[in-house]
Amino acid sequence: MALATPAIGASYSAAPAHGRQNQRWVSGIYLFSLGHCLGTWAWAYVSRLLYDVLAVWYRARQCRNDDCRLRFPVTEQSALGQTCPICGADAPFVGVRYRTYGAQEPAEAGAAESGLRQGRSRAPVVDALLDNLRSLGNLGSIFRTADGAGVRRLYLGGFTATPDHPKMPKTALGAERAVAWSQHRNAIALAGHLRDAGARLWALESGPQAVPFFGHLRQWSRARAESVRQTDAEPVVLVVGNEVSGVDPGLLELCHHVLSLPMVGIKESLNVGVAFGIAVYALRWGRELG
């Protein structure tokens, strides 16, 4: 009896119908991976291109007058500075162009930012209460410092201006849009509320009641590191006051600590924006120094 032999083509198509399905899956995964890699490369290329195009470049000009030789920076596209602002002589470009924002390569900057994010999760939560600051320059400086150091919120007390002031963008340079803030006419009432909510109020102020800031910070950081309970629920609120009259005495009474920065010169205090910057960076990132 002759045995029926299936056609070769029929056996091929019928056999691994499910094998062809696996091939489709493999092809699909390969195409997806290839598309993802190409998309990532394209995005990196476009980001770098935009980074180079949109960056503000600077160059130095130098006065030709040998008795002057003033050297000063201008934006590369600016027509300003063609003549020396001191003596009026020609001041051509010298040196190479440079940029101040984004001095790192984008990939390096991203890695640094990732490291900061990891450190930020271990840093204490810091807010600040700015009571009756009169200077927009100081306020803008504090907004920029708060943005850089990672301050969570600024409480603006008394007649301290808000970011709605038309001159704020000139002093804060955009940081006023990056930091959360709220306005409070009575800082003492606000301080009472913050205490009740569990915040720790640290006033930056000189005087006989003040203790050294760095000594207190060292003890507090050590205790915080040894504590097993969650301390992020207790933010530290840095309190600074008016440039001339200082922190309101009623507000000082509500603060858990009154702290002063060391002064070894003839002056008894620092500019409020400078003092705030020193304190907030030490508080947020001082542990990086060990």
C-alpha atoms as a PDB file:
ATOM      1  CA  MET A   1       0.000   0.000   0.000  1.00  0.00           C
ATOM      2  CA  ALA A   2       1.365   3.378  -0.938  1.00  0.00           C
ATOM      3  CA  LEU A   3       1.650   5.852   1.890  1.00  0.00           C
ATOM      4  CA  ALA A   4       0.474   9.380   1.302  1.00  0.00           C
ATOM      5  CA  THR A   5       3.348  11.785   1.692  1.00  0.00           C
ATOM      6  CA  PRO A   6       2.409  15.316   2.645  1.00  0.00           C
ATOM      7  CA  ALA A   7       3.662  18.081   0.390  1.00  0.00           C
ATOM      8  CA  ILE A   8       6.745  19.822   1.625  1.00  0.00           C
ATOM      9  CA  GLY A   9       5.150  23.215   1.408  1.00  0.00           C
ATOM     10  CA  ALA A  10       2.114  22.027   3.332  1.00  0.00           C
ATOM     11  CA  SER A  11       4.187  20.531   6.155  1.00  0.00           C
ATOM     12  CA  TYR A  12       6.261  23.760   6.442  1.00  0.00           C
ATOM     13  CA  SER A  13       3.258  26.032   6.668  1.00  0.00           C
ATOM     14  CA  ALA A  14       1.346  23.805   9.018  1.00  0.00           C
ATOM     15  CA  ALA A  15       4.203  22.876  11.322  1.00  0.00           C
ATOM     16  CA  PRO A  16       5.482  25.777  13.169  1.00  0.00           C
ATOM     17  CA  ALA A  17       2.535  28.140  12.829  1.00  0.00           C
ATOM     18  CA  HIS A  18       3.339  29.095  16.340  1.00  0.00           C
ATOM     19  CA  GLY A  19       7.050  29.444  15.529  1.00  0.00           C
ATOM     20  CA  ARG A  20       6.298  32.232  13.113  1.00  0.00           C
ATOM     21  CA  GLN A  21       4.382  33.982  15.893  1.00  0.00           C
ATOM     22  CA  ASN A  22       7.492  33.842  18.078  1.00  0.00           C
ATOM     23  CA  GLN A  23       9.491  35.347  15.236  1.00  0.00           C
ATOM     24  CA  ARG A  24       7.043  38.212  15.062  1.00  0.00           C
ATOM     25  CA  TRP A  25       7.451  38.824  18.807  1.00  0.00           C
ATOM     26  CA  VAL A  26      11.231  38.833  18.505  1.00  0.00           C
ATOM     27  CA  SER A  27      11.090  41.195  15.536  1.00  0.00           C
ATOM     28  CA  GLY A  28       8.715  43.477  17.390  1.00  0.00           C
ATOM     29  CA  ILE A  29      10.959  43.638  20.456  1.00  0.00           C
ATOM     30  CA  TYR A  30      13.988  44.319  18.265  1.00  0.00           C
ATOM     31  CA  LEU A  31      12.234  47.133  16.404  1.00  0.00           C
ATOM     32  CA  PHE A  32      10.989  48.629  19.670  1.00  0.00           C
ATOM     33  CA  SER A  33      14.499  48.560  21.167  1.00  0.00           C
ATOM     34  CA  LEU A  34      15.957  50.057  18.006  1.00  0.00           C
ATOM     35  CA  GLY A  35      13.339  52.809  17.970  1.00  0.00           C
ATOM     36  CA  HIS A  36      13.938  53.540  21.662  1.00  0.00           C
ATOM     37  CA  CYS A  37      17.698  53.847  21.129  1.00  0.00           C
ATOM     38  CA  LEU A  38      17.265  56.075  18.091  1.00  0.00           C
ATOM     39  CA  GLY A  39      14.721  58.214  19.939  1.00  0.00           C
ATOM     40  CA  THR A  40      17.036  58.604  22.923  1.00  0.00           C
ATOM     41  CA  TRP A  41      19.951  59.546  20.657  1.00  0.00           C
ATOM     42  CA  ALA A  42      17.803  62.003  18.699  1.00  0.00           C
ATOM     43  CA  TRP A  43      16.536  63.643  21.899  1.00  0.00           C
ATOM     44  CA  ALA A  44      20.079  63.948  23.264  1.00  0.00           C
ATOM     45  CA  TYR A  45      21.221  65.487  19.982  1.00  0.00           C
ATOM     46  CA  VAL A  46      18.333  67.980  19.867  1.00  0.00           C
ATOM     47  CA  SER A  47      18.831  68.865  23.547  1.00  0.00           C
ATOM     48  CA  ARG A  48      22.519  69.545  22.971  1.00  0.00           C
ATOM     49  CA  LEU A  49      21.729  71.590  19.867  1.00  0.00           C
ATOM     50  CA  LEU A  50      19.194  73.718  21.747  1.00  0.00           C
ATOM     51  CA  TYR A  51      21.613  74.007  24.640  1.00  0.00           C
ATOM     52  CA  ASP A  52      24.292  75.457  22.350  1.00  0.00           C
ATOM     53  CA  VAL A  53      21.900  77.704  20.420  1.00  0.00           C
ATOM     54  CA  LEU A  54      19.998  79.150  23.372  1.00  0.00           C
ATOM     55  CA  ALA A  55      22.943  79.590  25.737  1.00  0.00           C
ATOM     56  CA  VAL A  56      24.106  83.144  26.425  1.00  0.00           C
ATOM     57  CA  TRP A  57      27.756  83.494  25.472  1.00  0.00           C
ATOM     58  CA  TYR A  58      30.157  86.066  26.895  1.00  0.00           C
ATOM     59  CA  ARG A  59      33.488  87.490  25.795  1.00  0.00           C
ATOM     60  CA  ALA A  60      35.940  89.815  27.426  1.00  0.00           C
ATOM     61  CA  ARG A  61      36.895  93.188  25.998  1.00  0.00           C
ATOM     62  CA  GLN A  62      40.115  94.937  26.894  1.00  0.00           C
ATOM     63  CA  CYS A  63      41.023  98.585  26.581  1.00  0.00           C
ATOM     64  CA  ARG A  64      43.849  99.353  24.133  1.00  0.00           C
ATOM     65  CA  ASN A  65      45.092 102.231  26.269  1.00  0.00           C
ATOM     66  CA  ASP A  66      48.257 100.974  27.997  1.00  0.00           C
ATOM     67  CA  ASP A  67      47.621 103.326  30.915  1.00  0.00           C
ATOM     68  CA  CYS A  68      44.164 101.807  31.468  1.00  0.00           C
ATOM     69  CA  ARG A  69      43.862  98.260  30.066  1.00  0.00           C
ATOM     70  CA  LEU A  70      40.455  97.738  31.669  1.00  0.00           C
ATOM     71  CA  ARG A  71      39.181  94.203  31.030  1.00  0.00           C
ATOM     72  CA  PHE A  72      35.451  93.594  31.308  1.00  0.00           C
ATOM     73  CA  PRO A  73      32.815  91.053  30.108  1.00  0.00           C
ATOM     74  CA  VAL A  74      29.942  91.661  27.676  1.00  0.00           C
ATOM     75  CA  THR A  75      27.550  89.339  25.881  1.00  0.00           C
ATOM     76  CA  GLU A  76      29.036  88.229  22.593  1.00  0.00           C
ATOM     77  CA  GLN A  77      26.260  89.770  20.487  1.00  0.00           C
ATOM     78  CA  SER A  78      26.209  93.062  22.396  1.00  0.00           C
ATOM     79  CA  ALA A  79      27.384  96.262  20.773  1.00  0.00           C
ATOM     80  CA  LEU A  80      28.143  97.695  24.208  1.00  0.00           C
ATOM     81  CA  GLY A  81      31.707  98.050  25.332  1.00  0.00           C
ATOM     82  CA  GLN A  82      33.312  98.816  21.979  1.00  0.00           C
ATOM     83  CA  THR A  83      34.895 101.738  23.765  1.00  0.00           C
ATOM     84  CA  CYS A  84      36.324 101.627  27.257  1.00  0.00           C
ATOM     85  CA  PRO A  85      33.837 102.926  29.858  1.00  0.00           C
ATOM     86  CA  ILE A  86      36.720 104.428  31.839  1.00  0.00           C
ATOM     87  CA  CYS A  87      38.921 106.241  29.324  1.00  0.00           C
ATOM     88  CA  GLY A  88      36.997 105.969  26.059  1.00  0.00           C
ATOM     89  CA  ALA A  89      39.698 104.134  24.078  1.00  0.00           C
ATOM     90  CA  ASP A  90      38.907 101.209  21.786  1.00  0.00           C
ATOM     91  CA  ALA A  91      38.172  97.965  23.594  1.00  0.00           C
ATOM     92  CA  PRO A  92      38.252  94.964  21.219  1.00  0.00           C
ATOM     93  CA  PHE A  93      37.318  91.407  22.096  1.00  0.00           C
ATOM     94  CA  VAL A  94      40.065  89.297  23.644  1.00  0.00           C
ATOM     95  CA  GLY A  95      40.200  85.650  24.611  1.00  0.00           C
ATOM     96  CA  VAL A  96      37.639  82.952  23.908  1.00  0.00           C
ATOM     97  CA  ARG A  97      33.913  83.099  24.423  1.00  0.00           C
ATOM     98  CA  TYR A  98      32.423  81.395  27.469  1.00  0.00           C
ATOM     99  CA  ARG A  99      29.132  80.870  29.245  1.00  0.00           C
ATOM    100  CA  THR A 100      28.418  80.915  32.940  1.00  0.00           C
ATOM    101  CA  TYR A 101      25.234  78.846  33.000  1.00  0.00           C
ATOM    102  CA  GLY A 102      25.816  75.189  32.235  1.00  0.00           C
ATOM    103  CA  ALA A 103      29.579  75.161  32.593  1.00  0.00           C
ATOM    104  CA  GLN A 104      29.301  71.367  32.819  1.00  0.00           C
ATOM    105  CA  GLU A 105      28.502  69.219  29.839  1.00  0.00           C
ATOM    106  CA  PRO A 106      24.787  68.267  29.798  1.00  0.00           C
ATOM    107  CA  ALA A 107      25.485  64.629  30.686  1.00  0.00           C
ATOM    108  CA  GLU A 108      27.763  65.646  33.557  1.00  0.00           C
ATOM    109  CA  ALA A 109      25.233  68.186  34.765  1.00  0.00           C
ATOM    110  CA  GLY A 110      22.555  65.512  34.747  1.00  0.00           C
ATOM    111  CA  ALA A 111      24.727  63.197  36.821  1.00  0.00           C
ATOM    112  CA  ALA A 112      25.460  65.981  39.288  1.00  0.00           C
ATOM    113  CA  GLU A 113      21.764  66.813  39.532  1.00  0.00           C
ATOM    114  CA  SER A 114      20.975  63.148  40.182  1.00  0.00           C
ATOM    115  CA  GLY A 115      23.480  63.114  43.017  1.00  0.00           C
ATOM    116  CA  LEU A 116      21.947  66.259  44.475  1.00  0.00           C
ATOM    117  CA  ARG A 117      18.496  64.678  44.342  1.00  0.00           C
ATOM    118  CA  GLN A 118      19.765  61.709  46.320  1.00  0.00           C
ATOM    119  CA  GLY A 119      21.381  63.994  48.889  1.00  0.00           C
ATOM    120  CA  ARG A 120      18.280  66.164  49.017  1.00  0.00           C
ATOM    121  CA  SER A 121      16.229  63.228  50.285  1.00  0.00           C
ATOM    122  CA  ARG A 122      18.478  63.075  53.392  1.00  0.00           C
ATOM    123  CA  ALA A 123      18.655  66.832  53.946  1.00  0.00           C
ATOM    124  CA  PRO A 124      16.409  68.426  56.566  1.00  0.00           C
ATOM    125  CA  VAL A 125      13.280  70.185  55.397  1.00  0.00           C
ATOM    126  CA  VAL A 126      13.822  73.937  55.671  1.00  0.00           C
ATOM    127  CA  ASP A 127      11.335  76.799  55.417  1.00  0.00           C
ATOM    128  CA  ALA A 128      12.035  80.472  56.128  1.00  0.00           C
ATOM    129  CA  LEU A 129      10.112  83.347  57.684  1.00  0.00           C
ATOM    130  CA  LEU A 130      11.156  86.771  56.382  1.00  0.00           C
ATOM    131  CA  ASP A 131       9.623  89.436  58.580  1.00  0.00           C
ATOM    132  CA  ASN A 132       9.492  93.080  57.491  1.00  0.00           C
ATOM    133  CA  LEU A 133      12.360  93.051  55.010  1.00  0.00           C
ATOM    134  CA  ARG A 134      12.532  96.467  53.392  1.00  0.00           C
ATOM    135  CA  SER A 135      15.042  95.832  50.598  1.00  0.00           C
ATOM    136  CA  LEU A 136      13.975  94.237  47.328  1.00  0.00           C
ATOM    137  CA  GLY A 137      17.633  93.475  46.683  1.00  0.00           C
ATOM    138  CA  ASN A 138      17.883  91.413  49.854  1.00  0.00           C
ATOM    139  CA  LEU A 139      14.574  89.725  49.172  1.00  0.00           C
ATOM    140  CA  GLY A 140      15.559  88.807  45.618  1.00  0.00           C
ATOM    141  CA  SER A 141      18.867  87.442  46.858  1.00  0.00           C
ATOM    142  CA  ILE A 142      17.062  85.291  49.428  1.00  0.00           C
ATOM    143  CA  PHE A 143      14.704  83.916  46.784  1.00  0.00           C
ATOM    144  CA  ARG A 144      17.680  82.935  44.622  1.00  0.00           C
ATOM    145  CA  THR A 145      19.467  81.346  47.579  1.00  0.00           C
ATOM    146  CA  ALA A 146      16.304  79.524  48.643  1.00  0.00           C
ATOM    147  CA  ASP A 147      15.908  78.109  45.155  1.00  0.00           C
ATOM    148  CA  GLY A 148      19.532  76.967  45.022  1.00  0.00           C
ATOM    149  CA  ALA A 149      19.596  75.406  48.489  1.00  0.00           C
ATOM    150  CA  GLY A 150      16.220  73.704  48.169  1.00  0.00           C
ATOM    151  CA  VAL A 151      14.175  75.668  50.697  1.00  0.00           C
ATOM    152  CA  ARG A 152      10.610  74.397  50.629  1.00  0.00           C
ATOM    153  CA  ARG A 153       8.668  77.611  51.325  1.00  0.00           C
ATOM    154  CA  LEU A 154       9.199  81.283  52.170  1.00  0.00           C
ATOM    155  CA  TYR A 155       6.755  82.928  54.546  1.00  0.00           C
ATOM    156  CA  LEU A 156       6.683  86.674  53.837  1.00  0.00           C
ATOM    157  CA  GLY A 157       5.689  88.568  56.965  1.00  0.00           C
ATOM    158  CA  GLY A 158       4.743  92.166  57.656  1.00  0.00           C
ATOM    159  CA  PHE A 159       5.546  94.587  54.837  1.00  0.00           C
ATOM    160  CA  THR A 160       7.979  92.215  53.102  1.00  0.00           C
ATOM    161  CA  ALA A 161       7.283  92.522  49.391  1.00  0.00           C
ATOM    162  CA  THR A 162       5.961  89.596  47.369  1.00  0.00           C
ATOM    163  CA  PRO A 163       6.965  88.293  43.920  1.00  0.00           C
ATOM    164  CA  ASP A 164       4.045  90.297  42.547  1.00  0.00           C
ATOM    165  CA  HIS A 165       6.154  93.443  42.940  1.00  0.00           C
ATOM    166  CA  PRO A 166       7.124  94.687  39.451  1.00  0.00           C
ATOM    167  CA  LYS A 167      10.803  95.004  40.399  1.00  0.00           C
ATOM    168  CA  MET A 168      11.166  91.507  41.842  1.00  0.00           C
ATOM    169  CA  PRO A 169      12.157  89.803  38.557  1.00  0.00           C
ATOM    170  CA  LYS A 170      15.136  92.150  38.309  1.00  0.00           C
ATOM    171  CA  THR A 171      16.495  91.093  41.705  1.00  0.00           C
ATOM    172  CA  ALA A 172      15.366  87.452  41.950  1.00  0.00           C
ATOM    173  CA  LEU A 173      16.067  86.703  38.257  1.00  0.00           C
ATOM    174  CA  GLY A 174      13.247  84.186  37.950  1.00  0.00           C
ATOM    175  CA  ALA A 175      13.724  82.431  41.299  1.00  0.00           C
ATOM    176  CA  GLU A 176      10.571  84.157  42.559  1.00  0.00           C
ATOM    177  CA  ARG A 177       8.626  81.821  40.252  1.00  0.00           C
ATOM    178  CA  ALA A 178      10.416  78.686  41.479  1.00  0.00           C
ATOM    179  CA  VAL A 179      10.041  78.922  45.270  1.00  0.00           C
ATOM    180  CA  ALA A 180       6.699  78.494  47.029  1.00  0.00           C
ATOM    181  CA  TRP A 181       5.714  81.501  49.140  1.00  0.00           C
ATOM    182  CA  SER A 182       2.815  82.910  51.104  1.00  0.00           C
ATOM    183  CA  GLN A 183       2.083  86.327  52.593  1.00  0.00           C
ATOM    184  CA  HIS A 184       1.252  86.909  56.267  1.00  0.00           C
ATOM    185  CA  ARG A 185       0.651  90.365  57.710  1.00  0.00           C
ATOM    186  CA  ASN A 186       1.315  89.270  61.309  1.00  0.00           C
ATOM    187  CA  ALA A 187       4.443  87.152  61.679  1.00  0.00           C
ATOM    188  CA  ILE A 188       3.850  86.475  65.370  1.00  0.00           C
ATOM    189  CA  ALA A 189       0.468  84.900  64.661  1.00  0.00           C
ATOM    190  CA  LEU A 190       2.080  82.840  61.902  1.00  0.00           C
ATOM    191  CA  ALA A 191       4.928  81.725  64.185  1.00  0.00           C
ATOM    192  CA  GLY A 192       2.431  80.493  66.758  1.00  0.00           C
ATOM    193  CA  HIS A 193       0.667  78.466  64.106  1.00  0.00           C
ATOM    194  CA  LEU A 194       3.938  76.981  62.844  1.00  0.00           C
ATOM    195  CA  ARG A 195       4.955  75.975  66.370  1.00  0.00           C
ATOM    196  CA  ASP A 196       1.613  74.294  66.929  1.00  0.00           C
ATOM    197  CA  ALA A 197       2.101  72.397  63.676  1.00  0.00           C
ATOM    198  CA  GLY A 198       5.439  71.008  64.914  1.00  0.00           C
ATOM    199  CA  ALA A 199       7.951  73.273  63.176  1.00  0.00           C
ATOM    200  CA  ARG A 200      11.203  74.253  64.875  1.00  0.00           C
ATOM    201  CA  LEU A 201      11.862  77.997  64.676  1.00  0.00           C
ATOM    202  CA  TRP A 202      15.478  79.160  64.509  1.00  0.00           C
ATOM    203  CA  ALA A 203      16.017  82.922  64.564  1.00  0.00           C
ATOM    204  CA  LEU A 204      19.146  84.453  63.062  1.00  0.00           C
ATOM    205  CA  GLU A 205      19.912  87.328  65.419  1.00  0.00           C
ATOM    206  CA  SER A 206      22.766  88.706  67.461  1.00  0.00           C
ATOM    207  CA  GLY A 207      22.586  89.735  71.094  1.00  0.00           C
ATOM    208  CA  PRO A 208      23.172  88.279  74.566  1.00  0.00           C
ATOM    209  CA  GLN A 209      20.455  85.639  74.143  1.00  0.00           C
ATOM    210  CA  ALA A 210      22.025  84.209  70.975  1.00  0.00           C
ATOM    211  CA  VAL A 211      24.150  81.057  70.901  1.00  0.00           C
ATOM    212  CA  PRO A 212      26.708  80.228  68.169  1.00  0.00           C
ATOM    213  CA  PHE A 213      24.983  78.938  65.060  1.00  0.00           C
ATOM    214  CA  PHE A 214      27.592  76.389  63.982  1.00  0.00           C
ATOM    215  CA  GLY A 215      27.966  74.863  67.435  1.00  0.00           C
ATOM    216  CA  HIS A 216      24.214  74.408  67.696  1.00  0.00           C
ATOM    217  CA  LEU A 217      24.013  73.019  64.167  1.00  0.00           C
ATOM    218  CA  ARG A 218      26.712  70.452  64.914  1.00  0.00           C
ATOM    219  CA  GLN A 219      24.872  69.195  68.009  1.00  0.00           C
ATOM    220  CA  TRP A 220      21.511  69.175  66.270  1.00  0.00           C
ATOM    221  CA  SER A 221      22.854  67.312  63.232  1.00  0.00           C
ATOM    222  CA  ARG A 222      24.454  64.669  65.444  1.00  0.00           C
ATOM    223  CA  ALA A 223      21.240  64.174  67.396  1.00  0.00           C
ATOM    224  CA  ARG A 224      19.239  64.012  64.178  1.00  0.00           C
ATOM    225  CA  ALA A 225      21.540  61.363  62.724  1.00  0.00           C
ATOM    226  CA  GLU A 226      21.213  59.226  65.857  1.00  0.00           C
ATOM    227  CA  SER A 227      17.450  59.607  66.126  1.00  0.00           C
ATOM    228  CA  VAL A 228      15.348  56.656  64.967  1.00  0.00           C
ATOM    229  CA  ARG A 229      12.148  58.621  64.567  1.00  0.00           C
ATOM    230  CA  GLN A 230      11.111  60.536  61.465  1.00  0.00           C
ATOM    231  CA  THR A 231      12.328  64.122  61.776  1.00  0.00           C
ATOM    232  CA  ASP A 232      11.255  65.427  58.371  1.00  0.00           C
ATOM    233  CA  ALA A 233       7.816  66.012  59.871  1.00  0.00           C
ATOM    234  CA  GLU A 234       9.451  68.774  61.931  1.00  0.00           C
ATOM    235  CA  PRO A 235      10.799  71.314  59.442  1.00  0.00           C
ATOM    236  CA  VAL A 236      13.239  73.955  60.554  1.00  0.00           C
ATOM    237  CA  VAL A 237      11.996  77.496  59.913  1.00  0.00           C
ATOM    238  CA  LEU A 238      14.808  80.045  59.648  1.00  0.00           C
ATOM    239  CA  VAL A 239      13.569  83.418  60.909  1.00  0.00           C
ATOM    240  CA  VAL A 240      15.162  86.669  59.757  1.00  0.00           C
ATOM    241  CA  GLY A 241      13.989  90.187  60.506  1.00  0.00           C
ATOM    242  CA  ASN A 242      14.272  93.777  59.419  1.00  0.00           C
ATOM    243  CA  GLU A 243      17.660  94.989  58.167  1.00  0.00           C
ATOM    244  CA  VAL A 244      17.826  97.777  60.781  1.00  0.00           C
ATOM    245  CA  SER A 245      15.683  96.782  63.763  1.00  0.00           C
ATOM    246  CA  GLY A 246      16.287  93.041  63.578  1.00  0.00           C
ATOM    247  CA  VAL A 247      13.869  90.308  64.558  1.00  0.00           C
ATOM    248  CA  ASP A 248      10.749  91.417  66.447  1.00  0.00           C
ATOM    249  CA  PRO A 249      11.200  90.596  70.188  1.00  0.00           C
ATOM    250  CA  GLY A 250       7.732  89.036  70.249  1.00  0.00           C
ATOM    251  CA  LEU A 251       8.835  86.748  67.445  1.00  0.00           C
ATOM    252  CA  LEU A 252      12.064  85.860  69.234  1.00  0.00           C
ATOM    253  CA  GLU A 253      10.040  84.665  72.230  1.00  0.00           C
ATOM    254  CA  LEU A 254       8.333  82.099  70.023  1.00  0.00           C
ATOM    255  CA  CYS A 255      11.565  80.770  68.501  1.00  0.00           C
ATOM    256  CA  HIS A 256      13.070  77.574  69.855  1.00  0.00           C
ATOM    257  CA  HIS A 257      16.592  78.897  69.316  1.00  0.00           C
ATOM    258  CA  VAL A 258      18.209  82.282  68.723  1.00  0.00           C
ATOM    259  CA  LEU A 259      21.435  81.807  66.785  1.00  0.00           C
ATOM    260  CA  SER A 260      24.239  84.111  65.702  1.00  0.00           C
ATOM    261  CA  LEU A 261      26.987  83.803  63.119  1.00  0.00           C
ATOM    262  CA  PRO A 262      30.569  84.464  64.217  1.00  0.00           C
ATOM    263  CA  MET A 263      31.827  88.013  63.657  1.00  0.00           C
ATOM    264  CA  VAL A 264      35.522  88.789  64.144  1.00  0.00           C
ATOM    265  CA  GLY A 265      35.720  92.226  62.524  1.00  0.00           C
ATOM    266  CA  ILE A 266      34.475  95.654  63.550  1.00  0.00           C
ATOM    267  CA  LYS A 267      30.868  95.024  62.450  1.00  0.00           C
ATOM    268  CA  GLU A 268      28.379  93.212  64.656  1.00  0.00           C
ATOM    269  CA  SER A 269      26.213  91.630  61.973  1.00  0.00           C
ATOM    270  CA  LEU A 270      26.065  90.607  58.310  1.00  0.00           C
ATOM    271  CA  ASN A 271      23.712  91.674  55.566  1.00  0.00           C
ATOM    272  CA  VAL A 272      20.481  89.718  55.998  1.00  0.00           C
ATOM    273  CA  GLY A 273      20.760  88.095  52.577  1.00  0.00           C
ATOM    274  CA  VAL A 274      24.352  87.005  53.240  1.00  0.00           C
ATOM    275  CA  ALA A 275      23.504  85.672  56.714  1.00  0.00           C
ATOM    276  CA  PHE A 276      20.547  83.749  55.323  1.00  0.00           C
ATOM    277  CA  GLY A 277      22.703  82.213  52.601  1.00  0.00           C
ATOM    278  CA  ILE A 278      25.365  81.020  55.042  1.00  0.00           C
ATOM    279  CA  ALA A 279      22.820  79.560  57.442  1.00  0.00           C
ATOM    280  CA  VAL A 280      20.569  77.833  54.932  1.00  0.00           C
ATOM    281  CA  TYR A 281      23.398  76.173  53.007  1.00  0.00           C
ATOM    282  CA  ALA A 282      25.034  74.988  56.235  1.00  0.00           C
ATOM    283  CA  LEU A 283      21.708  73.634  57.432  1.00  0.00           C
ATOM    284  CA  ARG A 284      20.778  71.946  54.168  1.00  0.00           C
ATOM    285  CA  TRP A 285      24.181  70.710  53.003  1.00  0.00           C
ATOM    286  CA  GLY A 286      26.588  70.997  55.944  1.00  0.00           C
ATOM    287  CA  ARG A 287      26.532  67.232  56.472  1.00  0.00           C
ATOM    288  CA  GLU A 288      28.474  66.896  53.184  1.00  0.00           C
ATOM    289  CA  LEU A 289      31.472  68.263  55.070  1.00  0.00           C
ATOM    290  CA  GLY A 290      31.248  65.380  57.535  1.00  0.00           C
END
